[in-house]
Amino acid sequence: MLLKDWDPAEKTFRNIEEDHRFSLNDLWLQLQDATDPFVGVNKNESPVVRNASFPFERDVEMKVGEGTVSVSAVVLELMFWLEAEWVSAIDAVRLQYKNQTGKIERVEFGTKSQPGRWLHLQSDEAGALSVSVK
């Protein structure tokens, strides 16, 4: 079990043989490369609990306080859910950028329920649309 103030981006784990450090977030990214963890998760339904196991073939240690412990596997228990939040277009920020290569228009939406989270929709003159979510 991890503490509530655990930083998932901290390189807490180390493969001793390769002297390669990695984080809990690195394991999450590996999981997303292998599969879509949101398959079967439907908007506004009860959370779905999934487990992901990362067994280690070689010696891995984990930094704990001032010392380290040997780790043979990491098991993540993850809870997934999707919630829709209505955001008014009036609250969106519309930006326009122009340089030598053309013009870009961008609309930014924030979220009231989770400050610091956002959605960006961006389009260039050719009509290519990109979406970014944080």
Protein backbone atom coordinates (compact mmCIF):
# COMPACT_ATOMS: atom_id res chain seq x y z
CA MET A 1 0.00 0.00 0.00
CA LEU A 2 1.27 3.46 -0.87
CA LEU A 3 0.95 6.62 1.13
CA LYS A 4 -1.57 9.23 0.03
CA ASP A 5 1.17 11.78 -0.77
CA TRP A 6 3.09 9.29 -2.95
CA ASP A 7 4.45 10.88 -6.13
CA PRO A 8 3.73 8.43 -9.00
CA ALA A 9 6.35 10.15 -11.20
CA GLU A 10 9.17 9.62 -8.71
CA LYS A 11 11.74 7.05 -9.93
CA THR A 12 11.28 4.87 -6.86
CA PHE A 13 12.12 1.50 -8.44
CA ARG A 14 15.52 0.36 -9.68
CA ASN A 15 16.46 -2.64 -11.79
CA ILE A 16 19.72 -3.52 -10.02
CA GLU A 17 21.32 -5.42 -12.93
CA GLU A 18 20.74 -2.63 -15.48
CA ASP A 19 20.84 0.24 -12.96
CA HIS A 20 17.64 1.49 -14.61
CA ARG A 21 15.27 3.56 -12.49
CA PHE A 22 11.54 3.74 -13.13
CA SER A 23 8.37 5.06 -11.54
CA LEU A 24 4.85 3.89 -10.90
CA ASN A 25 3.80 6.19 -13.75
CA ASP A 26 6.24 4.35 -16.06
CA LEU A 27 4.40 1.11 -15.22
CA TRP A 28 1.06 2.83 -15.95
CA LEU A 29 2.39 3.90 -19.36
CA GLN A 30 3.55 0.32 -20.06
CA LEU A 31 0.04 -0.88 -19.26
CA GLN A 32 -1.48 1.61 -21.70
CA ASP A 33 0.98 0.49 -24.41
CA ALA A 34 -0.12 -3.13 -23.89
CA THR A 35 -3.89 -2.60 -23.67
CA ASP A 36 -6.65 -0.01 -23.34
CA PRO A 37 -7.53 -0.07 -19.65
CA PHE A 38 -10.73 1.90 -20.30
CA VAL A 39 -12.37 -0.78 -22.48
CA GLY A 40 -15.79 -1.53 -21.05
CA VAL A 41 -15.83 1.57 -18.84
CA ASN A 42 -19.00 3.49 -19.59
CA LYS A 43 -19.84 7.09 -18.88
CA ASN A 44 -21.85 7.75 -15.70
CA GLU A 45 -21.79 4.11 -14.57
CA SER A 46 -20.28 2.53 -11.48
CA PRO A 47 -16.49 2.35 -11.33
CA VAL A 48 -14.76 -0.70 -12.79
CA VAL A 49 -11.93 -2.23 -10.73
CA ARG A 50 -9.02 -3.81 -12.59
CA ASN A 51 -5.74 -5.34 -11.49
CA ALA A 52 -2.46 -5.22 -13.36
CA SER A 53 0.55 -7.26 -12.32
CA PHE A 54 4.15 -6.45 -13.22
CA PRO A 55 6.37 -9.40 -12.21
CA PHE A 56 10.11 -8.75 -12.37
CA GLU A 57 12.46 -11.40 -13.76
CA ARG A 58 15.54 -9.69 -12.38
CA ASP A 59 16.39 -8.03 -9.09
CA VAL A 60 14.36 -4.88 -8.51
CA GLU A 61 14.50 -2.74 -5.43
CA MET A 62 12.20 -0.02 -4.20
CA LYS A 63 13.23 3.05 -2.25
CA VAL A 64 11.40 3.18 1.08
CA GLY A 65 12.29 6.01 3.43
CA GLU A 66 16.06 5.99 3.87
CA GLY A 67 16.49 2.41 2.67
CA THR A 68 15.43 -0.05 -0.01
CA VAL A 69 13.44 -3.28 -0.16
CA SER A 70 13.59 -6.08 -2.72
CA VAL A 71 10.53 -6.28 -5.00
CA SER A 72 9.50 -9.33 -7.06
CA ALA A 73 6.33 -7.77 -8.51
CA VAL A 74 4.12 -4.70 -8.43
CA VAL A 75 0.36 -5.20 -8.47
CA LEU A 76 -1.78 -2.20 -9.28
CA GLU A 77 -5.44 -2.16 -8.29
CA LEU A 78 -7.03 0.51 -10.44
CA MET A 79 -10.52 1.97 -10.39
CA PHE A 80 -11.83 3.44 -13.65
CA TRP A 81 -14.87 5.62 -14.26
CA LEU A 82 -15.95 8.32 -16.69
CA GLU A 83 -17.96 11.37 -15.76
CA ALA A 84 -19.27 14.03 -18.12
CA GLU A 85 -19.07 17.62 -17.03
CA TRP A 86 -20.93 20.31 -18.92
CA VAL A 87 -18.74 23.30 -19.64
CA SER A 88 -20.23 26.41 -21.15
CA ALA A 89 -18.65 27.70 -24.35
CA ILE A 90 -18.85 31.12 -22.74
CA ASP A 91 -16.36 29.90 -20.10
CA ALA A 92 -13.95 28.65 -22.79
CA VAL A 93 -10.89 30.66 -23.79
CA ARG A 94 -10.47 31.21 -27.53
CA LEU A 95 -6.96 31.90 -28.80
CA GLN A 96 -5.57 32.61 -32.25
CA TYR A 97 -1.95 32.29 -33.26
CA LYS A 98 -0.44 33.41 -36.53
CA ASN A 99 3.08 33.04 -37.86
CA GLN A 100 4.86 32.54 -41.21
CA THR A 101 3.42 29.04 -41.66
CA GLY A 102 -0.20 29.97 -41.08
CA LYS A 103 -2.86 30.46 -38.47
CA ILE A 104 -3.92 28.23 -35.58
CA GLU A 105 -7.14 28.57 -33.62
CA ARG A 106 -7.44 27.01 -30.21
CA VAL A 107 -10.26 26.66 -27.68
CA GLU A 108 -9.41 25.79 -24.08
CA PHE A 109 -11.88 24.37 -21.57
CA GLY A 110 -11.11 24.03 -17.88
CA THR A 111 -12.94 21.87 -15.39
CA LYS A 112 -14.68 23.05 -12.25
CA SER A 113 -14.65 19.68 -10.49
CA GLN A 114 -10.88 19.13 -10.91
CA PRO A 115 -8.90 22.39 -11.08
CA GLY A 116 -5.74 22.04 -13.16
CA ARG A 117 -7.41 19.65 -15.63
CA TRP A 118 -8.22 20.93 -19.13
CA LEU A 119 -9.23 20.11 -22.68
CA HIS A 120 -7.75 21.88 -25.72
CA LEU A 121 -9.20 21.75 -29.23
CA GLN A 122 -6.89 23.14 -31.89
CA SER A 123 -7.29 23.59 -35.64
CA ASP A 124 -4.95 24.87 -38.33
CA GLU A 125 -5.77 26.48 -41.68
CA ALA A 126 -5.77 23.07 -43.41
CA GLY A 127 -8.53 21.94 -41.05
CA ALA A 128 -6.42 19.46 -39.09
CA LEU A 129 -7.91 19.10 -35.61
CA SER A 130 -5.97 18.06 -32.52
CA VAL A 131 -7.27 17.40 -29.03
CA SER A 132 -5.22 17.51 -25.82
CA VAL A 133 -6.41 16.44 -22.40
CA LYS A 134 -4.66 16.85 -19.08
